[in-house]
Structure formats: C-alpha cells, structure tokens
Amino acid sequence: MNSIKNTTLLEAVASVIQHEKDCFDFYLKTYEKVKEGSVKEFFRELAEDVEEHIKLIQEMYNDLSGGVEFPNLKQLAAIHKFDKTHLTKLMRKIDRNTEFDFKDDIDAVQHAMQVSEDARDFSNKMKEKFKDPIIKSFFNKLAFIKEEERIMAESEYLFLQQTDKTKYYWEDEALISGK
C-alpha cells in the first residue's frame, strides 16, 4: 500500500468517484425510505447531482492533467487496484454516515448534511497533505463542491425546522427585512 503522499491524480480521482457512487447509493436508499414530500424530492435531487459531480470530477481531471482524457476506470480497475490505495481506505471512513437507520425525515437530512460536511472536511485536510499543486487544486475544488452540497442539506434541514413550511426561510420577508 502506497503512502498517501504518493497518491497520483488518477488514484485521487478514482477514490473520489467511488465516494460519489457510495453517496448515490445512500441518497437513493434514503429516497426510497422517506415519505412523499420535500425530503423525498431533496434526496432525489441529491442523487441526480451525483452524476453531475462525477462529470465535473472527470472534467477537473482532464483540465488538471493537461488535457489528458479521463480513462475508463472499469478497464483500468483490472490493471490497477484503486480500492487498495491508502486514500481510498481513508475515504471509506468518511462514508460512515451513509449506513444508518434514520428515525424521521429530519434525521435523514441531518445525516446527508453530515456526509457532505465530512467529505468537505476530508478534502480540506487532503489538500494540505500533498505537495503536488495539481492534487492540492483538485481537493480544493472538491471541498468547494461538498460545501455547496452541505449548504443545500442545511437549507433543507432549516426548512424542516420551521413552523410555517409554506416557503423557505430565505423567502420570508420578515426575516429578510429584519423585522
């Protein structure tokens, strides 16, 4: 097993894509379990966003690698064991919140928020572990994506906490005007 500092950009990208797939499974399972309503829609959107995240991660690889086309990971997996890298093993630890039984919709959204927060924090820590500016840049961009996802989950969580659920808190004119 290689040291984390010896991780290549391709290994980092493969590990992150696997994490995104694990998140997709979590979002889809939660979508299937929650009752109809805004939380079900929220988890559907999160699951759909994973596909966009994977495309964005592949584009980041193409840009950061100097235009080298992102390889087919299924073909490469037979040659290179991405699941054995030190980074992948570390990333599995941040997926601990994707395997749980939630009590209610609020609990499910809280777990989604925690998953995003853990991935953001992990990315921020990883960007400091590497000397390679390309890999640092990759994890910096990934931290930004995960922070956006965390903000979405936090917004849904705050909405669920409201007594008046006819509109999101940022649509409340009394809150906006400071009255």
N, C-alpha and C. Protein backbone atom coordinates (compact mmCIF):
# COMPACT_ATOMS: atom_id res chain seq x y z
N MET A 1 0.85 -1.18 0.00
CA MET A 1 0.00 0.00 0.00
C MET A 1 0.89 1.23 0.00
N ASN A 2 0.66 2.13 -0.93
CA ASN A 2 1.44 3.35 -1.04
C ASN A 2 1.06 4.36 0.02
N SER A 3 2.01 5.19 0.36
CA SER A 3 1.75 6.30 1.27
C SER A 3 0.79 7.27 0.61
N ILE A 4 0.08 7.99 1.45
CA ILE A 4 -0.88 8.98 0.93
C ILE A 4 -0.18 10.02 0.05
N LYS A 5 1.06 10.35 0.39
CA LYS A 5 1.79 11.38 -0.36
C LYS A 5 2.17 10.90 -1.75
N ASN A 6 2.16 9.59 -1.98
CA ASN A 6 2.49 9.04 -3.29
C ASN A 6 1.27 8.86 -4.18
N THR A 7 0.13 9.31 -3.72
CA THR A 7 -1.11 9.18 -4.50
C THR A 7 -1.00 9.99 -5.78
N THR A 8 -1.40 9.38 -6.88
CA THR A 8 -1.43 10.09 -8.15
C THR A 8 -2.77 10.80 -8.31
N LEU A 9 -2.83 11.71 -9.26
CA LEU A 9 -4.09 12.39 -9.55
C LEU A 9 -5.15 11.38 -9.95
N LEU A 10 -4.79 10.41 -10.77
CA LEU A 10 -5.75 9.40 -11.21
C LEU A 10 -6.28 8.60 -10.01
N GLU A 11 -5.41 8.21 -9.09
CA GLU A 11 -5.86 7.49 -7.90
C GLU A 11 -6.79 8.35 -7.05
N ALA A 12 -6.46 9.62 -6.92
CA ALA A 12 -7.31 10.53 -6.15
C ALA A 12 -8.68 10.65 -6.80
N VAL A 13 -8.71 10.82 -8.10
CA VAL A 13 -9.97 10.95 -8.82
C VAL A 13 -10.78 9.66 -8.72
N ALA A 14 -10.14 8.52 -8.88
CA ALA A 14 -10.85 7.24 -8.78
C ALA A 14 -11.45 7.06 -7.39
N SER A 15 -10.71 7.45 -6.36
CA SER A 15 -11.21 7.33 -4.98
C SER A 15 -12.41 8.23 -4.76
N VAL A 16 -12.34 9.43 -5.28
CA VAL A 16 -13.43 10.39 -5.11
C VAL A 16 -14.67 9.94 -5.89
N ILE A 17 -14.46 9.40 -7.07
CA ILE A 17 -15.61 8.90 -7.84
C ILE A 17 -16.28 7.74 -7.09
N GLN A 18 -15.49 6.86 -6.49
CA GLN A 18 -16.08 5.78 -5.70
C GLN A 18 -16.88 6.35 -4.54
N HIS A 19 -16.36 7.37 -3.90
CA HIS A 19 -17.10 8.03 -2.81
C HIS A 19 -18.43 8.58 -3.32
N GLU A 20 -18.40 9.22 -4.48
CA GLU A 20 -19.63 9.76 -5.06
C GLU A 20 -20.64 8.65 -5.33
N LYS A 21 -20.17 7.52 -5.81
CA LYS A 21 -21.07 6.38 -6.06
C LYS A 21 -21.66 5.87 -4.75
N ASP A 22 -20.87 5.84 -3.70
CA ASP A 22 -21.38 5.43 -2.39
C ASP A 22 -22.42 6.42 -1.88
N CYS A 23 -22.19 7.70 -2.11
CA CYS A 23 -23.17 8.73 -1.74
C CYS A 23 -24.46 8.54 -2.53
N PHE A 24 -24.32 8.24 -3.82
CA PHE A 24 -25.50 7.99 -4.65
C PHE A 24 -26.35 6.86 -4.06
N ASP A 25 -25.69 5.77 -3.68
CA ASP A 25 -26.41 4.64 -3.08
C ASP A 25 -27.14 5.08 -1.82
N PHE A 26 -26.48 5.87 -0.99
CA PHE A 26 -27.08 6.39 0.24
C PHE A 26 -28.29 7.26 -0.08
N TYR A 27 -28.14 8.18 -1.02
CA TYR A 27 -29.25 9.08 -1.36
C TYR A 27 -30.43 8.30 -1.95
N LEU A 28 -30.14 7.34 -2.80
CA LEU A 28 -31.20 6.56 -3.41
C LEU A 28 -31.93 5.70 -2.37
N LYS A 29 -31.20 5.03 -1.49
CA LYS A 29 -31.83 4.23 -0.44
C LYS A 29 -32.70 5.10 0.46
N THR A 30 -32.19 6.28 0.80
CA THR A 30 -32.96 7.18 1.66
C THR A 30 -34.19 7.68 0.93
N TYR A 31 -34.05 8.02 -0.35
CA TYR A 31 -35.19 8.44 -1.17
C TYR A 31 -36.29 7.39 -1.14
N GLU A 32 -35.90 6.14 -1.25
CA GLU A 32 -36.89 5.05 -1.27
C GLU A 32 -37.58 4.86 0.08
N LYS A 33 -36.93 5.27 1.17
CA LYS A 33 -37.48 5.04 2.50
C LYS A 33 -38.33 6.20 3.04
N VAL A 34 -38.04 7.44 2.63
CA VAL A 34 -38.76 8.57 3.21
C VAL A 34 -40.14 8.71 2.58
N LYS A 35 -41.02 9.37 3.32
CA LYS A 35 -42.39 9.56 2.83
C LYS A 35 -42.41 10.65 1.75
N GLU A 36 -43.49 10.67 1.00
CA GLU A 36 -43.66 11.67 -0.06
C GLU A 36 -43.56 13.08 0.53
N GLY A 37 -42.94 13.97 -0.21
CA GLY A 37 -42.84 15.35 0.24
C GLY A 37 -41.50 15.96 -0.12
N SER A 38 -41.19 17.07 0.54
CA SER A 38 -39.98 17.83 0.20
C SER A 38 -38.71 17.04 0.47
N VAL A 39 -38.70 16.20 1.49
CA VAL A 39 -37.48 15.44 1.81
C VAL A 39 -37.24 14.38 0.74
N LYS A 40 -38.28 13.76 0.27
CA LYS A 40 -38.13 12.77 -0.81
C LYS A 40 -37.56 13.46 -2.05
N GLU A 41 -38.11 14.62 -2.36
CA GLU A 41 -37.63 15.40 -3.51
C GLU A 41 -36.17 15.82 -3.30
N PHE A 42 -35.83 16.21 -2.09
CA PHE A 42 -34.46 16.62 -1.75
C PHE A 42 -33.48 15.48 -2.03
N PHE A 43 -33.80 14.28 -1.60
CA PHE A 43 -32.90 13.14 -1.82
C PHE A 43 -32.85 12.73 -3.29
N ARG A 44 -33.92 12.92 -4.01
CA ARG A 44 -33.90 12.67 -5.46
C ARG A 44 -32.92 13.62 -6.13
N GLU A 45 -32.99 14.90 -5.73
CA GLU A 45 -32.08 15.90 -6.29
C GLU A 45 -30.63 15.59 -5.95
N LEU A 46 -30.37 15.18 -4.71
CA LEU A 46 -29.01 14.84 -4.32
C LEU A 46 -28.49 13.67 -5.16
N ALA A 47 -29.32 12.67 -5.38
CA ALA A 47 -28.91 11.52 -6.19
C ALA A 47 -28.61 11.96 -7.62
N GLU A 48 -29.45 12.83 -8.17
CA GLU A 48 -29.21 13.33 -9.53
C GLU A 48 -27.94 14.16 -9.60
N ASP A 49 -27.64 14.90 -8.54
CA ASP A 49 -26.44 15.73 -8.52
C ASP A 49 -25.16 14.90 -8.57
N VAL A 50 -25.21 13.67 -8.11
CA VAL A 50 -24.02 12.82 -8.12
C VAL A 50 -23.51 12.63 -9.54
N GLU A 51 -24.41 12.41 -10.49
CA GLU A 51 -23.99 12.25 -11.88
C GLU A 51 -23.25 13.50 -12.36
N GLU A 52 -23.78 14.67 -12.01
CA GLU A 52 -23.12 15.92 -12.37
C GLU A 52 -21.77 16.05 -11.68
N HIS A 53 -21.70 15.63 -10.42
CA HIS A 53 -20.43 15.69 -9.69
C HIS A 53 -19.37 14.81 -10.37
N ILE A 54 -19.78 13.62 -10.78
CA ILE A 54 -18.82 12.71 -11.43
C ILE A 54 -18.33 13.31 -12.75
N LYS A 55 -19.23 13.89 -13.52
CA LYS A 55 -18.82 14.55 -14.77
C LYS A 55 -17.86 15.70 -14.47
N LEU A 56 -18.18 16.48 -13.45
CA LEU A 56 -17.32 17.61 -13.07
C LEU A 56 -15.95 17.12 -12.61
N ILE A 57 -15.91 16.05 -11.85
CA ILE A 57 -14.65 15.48 -11.38
C ILE A 57 -13.82 14.99 -12.57
N GLN A 58 -14.47 14.36 -13.54
CA GLN A 58 -13.77 13.91 -14.74
C GLN A 58 -13.22 15.10 -15.53
N GLU A 59 -14.01 16.17 -15.63
CA GLU A 59 -13.55 17.38 -16.31
C GLU A 59 -12.38 18.02 -15.56
N MET A 60 -12.44 18.01 -14.24
CA MET A 60 -11.33 18.55 -13.45
C MET A 60 -10.07 17.74 -13.73
N TYR A 61 -10.20 16.42 -13.83
CA TYR A 61 -9.06 15.57 -14.16
C TYR A 61 -8.49 15.96 -15.51
N ASN A 62 -9.37 16.11 -16.51
CA ASN A 62 -8.92 16.48 -17.85
C ASN A 62 -8.17 17.80 -17.83
N ASP A 63 -8.69 18.79 -17.10
CA ASP A 63 -8.04 20.10 -17.01
C ASP A 63 -6.72 20.03 -16.26
N LEU A 64 -6.74 19.38 -15.11
CA LEU A 64 -5.55 19.33 -14.25
C LEU A 64 -4.44 18.45 -14.81
N SER A 65 -4.80 17.49 -15.65
CA SER A 65 -3.79 16.60 -16.21
C SER A 65 -3.23 17.14 -17.53
N GLY A 66 -3.57 18.36 -17.85
CA GLY A 66 -3.05 18.97 -19.08
C GLY A 66 -3.75 18.48 -20.33
N GLY A 67 -5.01 18.14 -20.20
CA GLY A 67 -5.79 17.73 -21.36
C GLY A 67 -5.81 16.23 -21.60
N VAL A 68 -5.17 15.47 -20.72
CA VAL A 68 -5.23 14.01 -20.85
C VAL A 68 -6.66 13.57 -20.59
N GLU A 69 -7.20 12.79 -21.51
CA GLU A 69 -8.58 12.34 -21.39
C GLU A 69 -8.74 11.39 -20.21
N PHE A 70 -9.84 11.54 -19.48
CA PHE A 70 -10.09 10.68 -18.33
C PHE A 70 -10.28 9.25 -18.81
N PRO A 71 -9.55 8.31 -18.23
CA PRO A 71 -9.64 6.91 -18.70
C PRO A 71 -10.91 6.21 -18.22
N ASN A 72 -11.20 5.11 -18.85
CA ASN A 72 -12.31 4.27 -18.43
C ASN A 72 -11.86 3.50 -17.20
N LEU A 73 -12.43 3.82 -16.04
CA LEU A 73 -12.00 3.20 -14.80
C LEU A 73 -12.30 1.71 -14.74
N LYS A 74 -13.34 1.27 -15.43
CA LYS A 74 -13.65 -0.16 -15.43
C LYS A 74 -12.52 -0.95 -16.09
N GLN A 75 -11.99 -0.43 -17.18
CA GLN A 75 -10.88 -1.10 -17.84
C GLN A 75 -9.61 -1.02 -16.99
N LEU A 76 -9.38 0.13 -16.39
CA LEU A 76 -8.18 0.31 -15.58
C LEU A 76 -8.21 -0.50 -14.29
N ALA A 77 -9.39 -0.76 -13.77
CA ALA A 77 -9.51 -1.49 -12.50
C ALA A 77 -8.88 -2.87 -12.58
N ALA A 78 -8.90 -3.47 -13.76
CA ALA A 78 -8.28 -4.78 -13.92
C ALA A 78 -6.76 -4.70 -13.79
N ILE A 79 -6.22 -3.53 -14.10
CA ILE A 79 -4.77 -3.34 -14.04
C ILE A 79 -4.34 -2.77 -12.68
N HIS A 80 -5.10 -1.78 -12.24
CA HIS A 80 -4.72 -1.06 -11.02
C HIS A 80 -5.82 -1.22 -9.97
N LYS A 81 -5.47 -1.62 -8.80
CA LYS A 81 -6.44 -1.84 -7.73
C LYS A 81 -6.70 -0.54 -6.97
N PHE A 82 -7.60 0.29 -7.50
CA PHE A 82 -7.89 1.58 -6.87
C PHE A 82 -8.45 1.42 -5.46
N ASP A 83 -9.16 0.32 -5.24
CA ASP A 83 -9.76 0.12 -3.92
C ASP A 83 -8.72 -0.24 -2.85
N LYS A 84 -7.48 -0.46 -3.26
CA LYS A 84 -6.42 -0.81 -2.31
C LYS A 84 -5.55 0.39 -1.94
N THR A 85 -5.79 1.53 -2.55
CA THR A 85 -4.94 2.69 -2.26
C THR A 85 -5.22 3.21 -0.85
N HIS A 86 -4.21 3.82 -0.29
CA HIS A 86 -4.33 4.38 1.05
C HIS A 86 -5.44 5.44 1.09
N LEU A 87 -5.52 6.25 0.06
CA LEU A 87 -6.54 7.29 0.00
C LEU A 87 -7.95 6.69 0.00
N THR A 88 -8.16 5.65 -0.78
CA THR A 88 -9.48 5.02 -0.83
C THR A 88 -9.86 4.46 0.54
N LYS A 89 -8.90 3.85 1.21
CA LYS A 89 -9.18 3.30 2.54
C LYS A 89 -9.53 4.42 3.52
N LEU A 90 -8.87 5.55 3.41
CA LEU A 90 -9.23 6.70 4.26
C LEU A 90 -10.62 7.23 3.93
N MET A 91 -10.92 7.28 2.64
CA MET A 91 -12.23 7.81 2.22
C MET A 91 -13.37 6.93 2.70
N ARG A 92 -13.14 5.64 2.82
CA ARG A 92 -14.20 4.75 3.31
C ARG A 92 -14.63 5.15 4.72
N LYS A 93 -13.71 5.71 5.48
CA LYS A 93 -14.03 6.12 6.84
C LYS A 93 -15.01 7.30 6.86
N ILE A 94 -14.95 8.16 5.84
CA ILE A 94 -15.88 9.29 5.82
C ILE A 94 -17.26 8.87 5.37
N ASP A 95 -17.38 7.67 4.85
CA ASP A 95 -18.68 7.18 4.41
C ASP A 95 -19.47 6.53 5.53
N ARG A 96 -19.01 6.66 6.77
CA ARG A 96 -19.68 6.01 7.90
C ARG A 96 -21.12 6.48 8.07
N ASN A 97 -21.43 7.69 7.66
CA ASN A 97 -22.78 8.21 7.81
C ASN A 97 -23.74 7.74 6.72
N THR A 98 -23.22 7.03 5.74
CA THR A 98 -24.10 6.56 4.67
C THR A 98 -24.77 5.25 5.01
N GLU A 99 -24.40 4.65 6.13
CA GLU A 99 -25.02 3.40 6.55
C GLU A 99 -25.66 3.60 7.91
N PHE A 100 -26.94 3.88 7.91
CA PHE A 100 -27.64 4.17 9.15
C PHE A 100 -29.14 3.95 8.96
N ASP A 101 -29.81 3.83 10.07
CA ASP A 101 -31.27 3.80 10.06
C ASP A 101 -31.74 5.11 10.68
N PHE A 102 -32.43 5.91 9.90
CA PHE A 102 -32.87 7.21 10.41
C PHE A 102 -34.22 7.09 11.09
N LYS A 103 -34.44 7.99 12.03
CA LYS A 103 -35.70 7.99 12.79
C LYS A 103 -36.83 8.66 12.03
N ASP A 104 -36.49 9.77 11.36
CA ASP A 104 -37.51 10.55 10.67
C ASP A 104 -36.83 11.35 9.56
N ASP A 105 -37.62 12.17 8.87
CA ASP A 105 -37.09 12.95 7.75
C ASP A 105 -35.97 13.89 8.19
N ILE A 106 -36.15 14.53 9.34
CA ILE A 106 -35.14 15.47 9.83
C ILE A 106 -33.83 14.73 10.08
N ASP A 107 -33.91 13.56 10.67
CA ASP A 107 -32.72 12.76 10.94
C ASP A 107 -32.02 12.38 9.63
N ALA A 108 -32.78 12.03 8.61
CA ALA A 108 -32.22 11.67 7.31
C ALA A 108 -31.47 12.85 6.70
N VAL A 109 -32.07 14.03 6.77
CA VAL A 109 -31.44 15.24 6.22
C VAL A 109 -30.18 15.59 7.03
N GLN A 110 -30.25 15.42 8.34
CA GLN A 110 -29.06 15.67 9.17
C GLN A 110 -27.91 14.76 8.75
N HIS A 111 -28.21 13.51 8.46
CA HIS A 111 -27.17 12.59 8.03
C HIS A 111 -26.60 13.01 6.67
N ALA A 112 -27.45 13.46 5.78
CA ALA A 112 -26.97 13.95 4.48
C ALA A 112 -26.05 15.14 4.68
N MET A 113 -26.42 16.03 5.60
CA MET A 113 -25.60 17.19 5.90
C MET A 113 -24.24 16.73 6.45
N GLN A 114 -24.26 15.73 7.32
CA GLN A 114 -23.02 15.22 7.91
C GLN A 114 -22.13 14.55 6.86
N VAL A 115 -22.73 13.83 5.93
CA VAL A 115 -21.96 13.19 4.86
C VAL A 115 -21.22 14.26 4.05
N SER A 116 -21.93 15.33 3.69
CA SER A 116 -21.30 16.41 2.92
C SER A 116 -20.24 17.13 3.72
N GLU A 117 -20.54 17.37 4.97
CA GLU A 117 -19.58 18.06 5.85
C GLU A 117 -18.31 17.22 6.03
N ASP A 118 -18.46 15.93 6.24
CA ASP A 118 -17.30 15.05 6.38
C ASP A 118 -16.46 15.05 5.11
N ALA A 119 -17.11 14.98 3.95
CA ALA A 119 -16.38 14.98 2.68
C ALA A 119 -15.68 16.32 2.45
N ARG A 120 -16.34 17.42 2.81
CA ARG A 120 -15.70 18.74 2.70
C ARG A 120 -14.47 18.82 3.60
N ASP A 121 -14.62 18.42 4.86
CA ASP A 121 -13.51 18.47 5.81
C ASP A 121 -12.37 17.56 5.37
N PHE A 122 -12.72 16.38 4.88
CA PHE A 122 -11.71 15.44 4.38
C PHE A 122 -10.93 16.07 3.23
N SER A 123 -11.65 16.68 2.29
CA SER A 123 -10.99 17.31 1.13
C SER A 123 -10.08 18.44 1.57
N ASN A 124 -10.53 19.24 2.53
CA ASN A 124 -9.70 20.33 3.04
C ASN A 124 -8.43 19.80 3.70
N LYS A 125 -8.54 18.70 4.43
CA LYS A 125 -7.35 18.10 5.06
C LYS A 125 -6.43 17.50 4.02
N MET A 126 -7.00 16.86 3.01
CA MET A 126 -6.19 16.20 1.99
C MET A 126 -5.40 17.21 1.16
N LYS A 127 -5.98 18.36 0.90
CA LYS A 127 -5.25 19.33 0.07
C LYS A 127 -3.98 19.81 0.78
N GLU A 128 -3.95 19.68 2.10
CA GLU A 128 -2.75 20.06 2.86
C GLU A 128 -1.73 18.93 2.92
N LYS A 129 -2.12 17.72 2.62
CA LYS A 129 -1.23 16.56 2.71
C LYS A 129 -0.32 16.41 1.50
N PHE A 130 -0.70 17.01 0.39
CA PHE A 130 0.03 16.80 -0.85
C PHE A 130 0.94 17.98 -1.19
N LYS A 131 2.08 17.67 -1.75
CA LYS A 131 2.97 18.72 -2.25
C LYS A 131 2.61 19.09 -3.68
N ASP A 132 2.08 18.12 -4.41
CA ASP A 132 1.72 18.32 -5.80
C ASP A 132 0.61 19.36 -5.91
N PRO A 133 0.88 20.51 -6.55
CA PRO A 133 -0.14 21.56 -6.64
C PRO A 133 -1.38 21.14 -7.43
N ILE A 134 -1.24 20.18 -8.32
CA ILE A 134 -2.38 19.72 -9.09
C ILE A 134 -3.35 18.96 -8.19
N ILE A 135 -2.83 18.07 -7.36
CA ILE A 135 -3.68 17.31 -6.45
C ILE A 135 -4.26 18.23 -5.38
N LYS A 136 -3.46 19.21 -4.93
CA LYS A 136 -3.97 20.21 -3.97
C LYS A 136 -5.17 20.94 -4.57
N SER A 137 -5.02 21.35 -5.82
CA SER A 137 -6.08 22.06 -6.51
C SER A 137 -7.33 21.19 -6.66
N PHE A 138 -7.12 19.93 -6.97
CA PHE A 138 -8.24 19.00 -7.11
C PHE A 138 -9.03 18.92 -5.80
N PHE A 139 -8.34 18.73 -4.68
CA PHE A 139 -9.05 18.60 -3.41
C PHE A 139 -9.65 19.94 -2.96
N ASN A 140 -9.04 21.03 -3.34
CA ASN A 140 -9.62 22.34 -3.04
C ASN A 140 -10.95 22.51 -3.76
N LYS A 141 -10.99 22.15 -5.03
CA LYS A 141 -12.24 22.25 -5.80
C LYS A 141 -13.29 21.29 -5.27
N LEU A 142 -12.84 20.10 -4.88
CA LEU A 142 -13.77 19.12 -4.34
C LEU A 142 -14.38 19.62 -3.02
N ALA A 143 -13.57 20.26 -2.18
CA ALA A 143 -14.08 20.81 -0.91
C ALA A 143 -15.17 21.84 -1.20
N PHE A 144 -14.99 22.64 -2.23
CA PHE A 144 -15.99 23.64 -2.60
C PHE A 144 -17.30 22.97 -3.02
N ILE A 145 -17.21 21.91 -3.83
CA ILE A 145 -18.41 21.19 -4.27
C ILE A 145 -19.16 20.61 -3.07
N LYS A 146 -18.42 20.02 -2.15
CA LYS A 146 -19.04 19.41 -0.97
C LYS A 146 -19.62 20.46 -0.02
N GLU A 147 -19.02 21.63 0.03
CA GLU A 147 -19.59 22.71 0.85
C GLU A 147 -20.92 23.17 0.25
N GLU A 148 -21.00 23.27 -1.07
CA GLU A 148 -22.28 23.62 -1.70
C GLU A 148 -23.35 22.59 -1.38
N GLU A 149 -22.98 21.31 -1.41
CA GLU A 149 -23.91 20.24 -1.09
C GLU A 149 -24.34 20.33 0.38
N ARG A 150 -23.41 20.64 1.27
CA ARG A 150 -23.72 20.78 2.69
C ARG A 150 -24.69 21.93 2.92
N ILE A 151 -24.49 23.01 2.21
CA ILE A 151 -25.38 24.18 2.34
C ILE A 151 -26.80 23.81 1.89
N MET A 152 -26.90 23.04 0.81
CA MET A 152 -28.23 22.58 0.37
C MET A 152 -28.91 21.75 1.46
N ALA A 153 -28.14 20.85 2.07
CA ALA A 153 -28.71 19.99 3.12
C ALA A 153 -29.08 20.83 4.34
N GLU A 154 -28.25 21.79 4.66
CA GLU A 154 -28.56 22.66 5.80
C GLU A 154 -29.83 23.47 5.54
N SER A 155 -29.99 23.93 4.32
CA SER A 155 -31.20 24.69 3.96
C SER A 155 -32.44 23.83 4.10
N GLU A 156 -32.35 22.58 3.65
CA GLU A 156 -33.49 21.67 3.79
C GLU A 156 -33.76 21.40 5.27
N TYR A 157 -32.71 21.22 6.04
CA TYR A 157 -32.85 20.98 7.48
C TYR A 157 -33.54 22.17 8.16
N LEU A 158 -33.10 23.39 7.84
CA LEU A 158 -33.71 24.58 8.43
C LEU A 158 -35.17 24.72 8.01
N PHE A 159 -35.45 24.37 6.77
CA PHE A 159 -36.83 24.40 6.29
C PHE A 159 -37.70 23.45 7.11
N LEU A 160 -37.19 22.27 7.38
CA LEU A 160 -37.95 21.29 8.16
C LEU A 160 -38.16 21.74 9.60
N GLN A 161 -37.29 22.58 10.10
CA GLN A 161 -37.39 23.08 11.47
C GLN A 161 -38.43 24.19 11.59
N GLN A 162 -38.77 24.83 10.48
CA GLN A 162 -39.74 25.93 10.50
C GLN A 162 -41.13 25.44 10.88
N THR A 163 -41.86 26.33 11.52
CA THR A 163 -43.26 26.00 11.82
C THR A 163 -44.14 26.28 10.60
N ASP A 164 -43.82 27.35 9.85
CA ASP A 164 -44.56 27.67 8.63
C ASP A 164 -43.76 27.12 7.45
N LYS A 165 -44.21 26.01 6.91
CA LYS A 165 -43.47 25.35 5.84
C LYS A 165 -44.00 25.73 4.45
N THR A 166 -44.68 26.84 4.35
CA THR A 166 -45.19 27.24 3.04
C THR A 166 -44.10 27.82 2.16
N LYS A 167 -43.01 28.29 2.76
CA LYS A 167 -41.89 28.81 1.97
C LYS A 167 -40.59 28.64 2.75
N TYR A 168 -39.52 28.63 2.00
CA TYR A 168 -38.21 28.50 2.63
C TYR A 168 -37.88 29.76 3.43
N TYR A 169 -37.00 29.61 4.40
CA TYR A 169 -36.70 30.73 5.29
C TYR A 169 -36.15 31.94 4.56
N TRP A 170 -35.44 31.75 3.46
CA TRP A 170 -34.89 32.91 2.74
C TRP A 170 -35.96 33.64 1.94
N GLU A 171 -37.17 33.06 1.85
CA GLU A 171 -38.28 33.72 1.18
C GLU A 171 -39.14 34.51 2.15
N ASP A 172 -38.87 34.39 3.43
CA ASP A 172 -39.67 35.04 4.47
C ASP A 172 -39.30 36.53 4.52
N GLU A 173 -40.23 37.39 4.08
CA GLU A 173 -39.99 38.82 4.02
C GLU A 173 -39.64 39.43 5.39
N ALA A 174 -40.26 38.94 6.46
CA ALA A 174 -39.96 39.45 7.79
C ALA A 174 -38.50 39.17 8.16
N LEU A 175 -38.01 38.02 7.80
CA LEU A 175 -36.60 37.70 8.07
C LEU A 175 -35.67 38.54 7.19
N ILE A 176 -36.04 38.69 5.94
CA ILE A 176 -35.21 39.44 5.01
C ILE A 176 -35.11 40.91 5.43
N SER A 177 -36.24 41.49 5.82
CA SER A 177 -36.24 42.92 6.17
C SER A 177 -35.71 43.16 7.59
N GLY A 178 -35.53 42.10 8.37
CA GLY A 178 -35.00 42.26 9.73
C GLY A 178 -36.05 42.65 10.74
N LYS A 179 -37.32 42.53 10.42
CA LYS A 179 -38.40 42.92 11.34
C LYS A 179 -38.69 41.83 12.33
